[in-house]
Amino acid sequence: MTMDLWNFEASAPAFFVHHVAIVGMCACLAHYAMKWIQERKRRTARPQVDSHMVSAKAGP
């Protein structure tokens, strides 16, 4: 295991908080990106009906 990322002059808790914040940001971005993609898929899966094509009365 390499210790290249470890700054020996900085405190250990600050190092771990920094890395946890990066992981949390990536997880948050991935979560909301997936929600956005699923919502777009759901909207495109439903047929869009134009309001001017739908009549108020169906039948004679």
Protein backbone atom coordinates (compact mmCIF):
# COMPACT_ATOMS: atom_id res chain seq x y z
CA MET A 1 0.00 0.00 0.00
CA THR A 2 1.38 3.37 -0.92
CA MET A 3 1.22 6.43 1.29
CA ASP A 4 1.61 9.02 -1.48
CA LEU A 5 -1.75 10.65 -0.73
CA TRP A 6 -1.06 10.98 2.99
CA ASN A 7 0.10 14.40 4.09
CA PHE A 8 2.05 13.72 7.30
CA GLU A 9 1.89 17.39 8.29
CA ALA A 10 -1.95 17.44 8.32
CA SER A 11 -4.11 15.88 11.02
CA ALA A 12 -5.47 12.38 10.43
CA PRO A 13 -9.17 13.26 11.09
CA ALA A 14 -9.01 16.10 8.55
CA PHE A 15 -7.59 13.70 5.97
CA PHE A 16 -10.41 11.20 6.47
CA VAL A 17 -13.12 13.88 6.59
CA HIS A 18 -11.84 15.26 3.29
CA HIS A 19 -11.94 11.85 1.61
CA VAL A 20 -15.35 10.97 3.06
CA ALA A 21 -16.67 14.30 1.73
CA ILE A 22 -15.40 13.43 -1.76
CA VAL A 23 -17.02 9.98 -1.63
CA GLY A 24 -20.26 11.54 -0.33
CA MET A 25 -20.31 14.09 -3.14
CA CYS A 26 -19.84 11.37 -5.76
CA ALA A 27 -22.57 9.24 -4.18
CA CYS A 28 -24.95 12.22 -4.08
CA LEU A 29 -24.29 13.10 -7.71
CA ALA A 30 -24.78 9.48 -8.79
CA HIS A 31 -28.03 9.20 -6.80
CA TYR A 32 -29.63 12.32 -8.26
CA ALA A 33 -28.34 11.57 -11.76
CA MET A 34 -30.02 8.16 -11.62
CA LYS A 35 -33.27 9.72 -10.37
CA TRP A 36 -33.16 12.24 -13.23
CA ILE A 37 -32.48 9.52 -15.81
CA GLN A 38 -35.31 7.34 -14.47
CA GLU A 39 -37.73 10.27 -14.56
CA ARG A 40 -36.79 11.06 -18.16
CA LYS A 41 -37.29 7.41 -19.13
CA ARG A 42 -40.67 7.38 -17.39
CA ARG A 43 -41.78 10.54 -19.21
CA THR A 44 -40.71 9.29 -22.63
CA ALA A 45 -42.27 5.86 -22.06
CA ARG A 46 -45.76 7.37 -21.65
CA PRO A 47 -47.44 8.45 -24.86
CA GLN A 48 -47.88 12.19 -24.98
CA VAL A 49 -51.43 13.30 -25.77
CA ASP A 50 -51.99 16.72 -27.24
CA SER A 51 -54.90 18.57 -25.64
CA HIS A 52 -56.29 19.75 -28.99
CA MET A 53 -56.57 16.15 -30.25
CA VAL A 54 -58.71 14.98 -27.31
CA SER A 55 -62.40 15.69 -27.65
CA ALA A 56 -64.60 16.45 -24.68
CA LYS A 57 -67.32 14.05 -25.87
CA ALA A 58 -66.67 10.56 -27.08
CA GLY A 59 -69.47 9.27 -29.24
CA PRO A 60 -72.40 10.59 -31.28
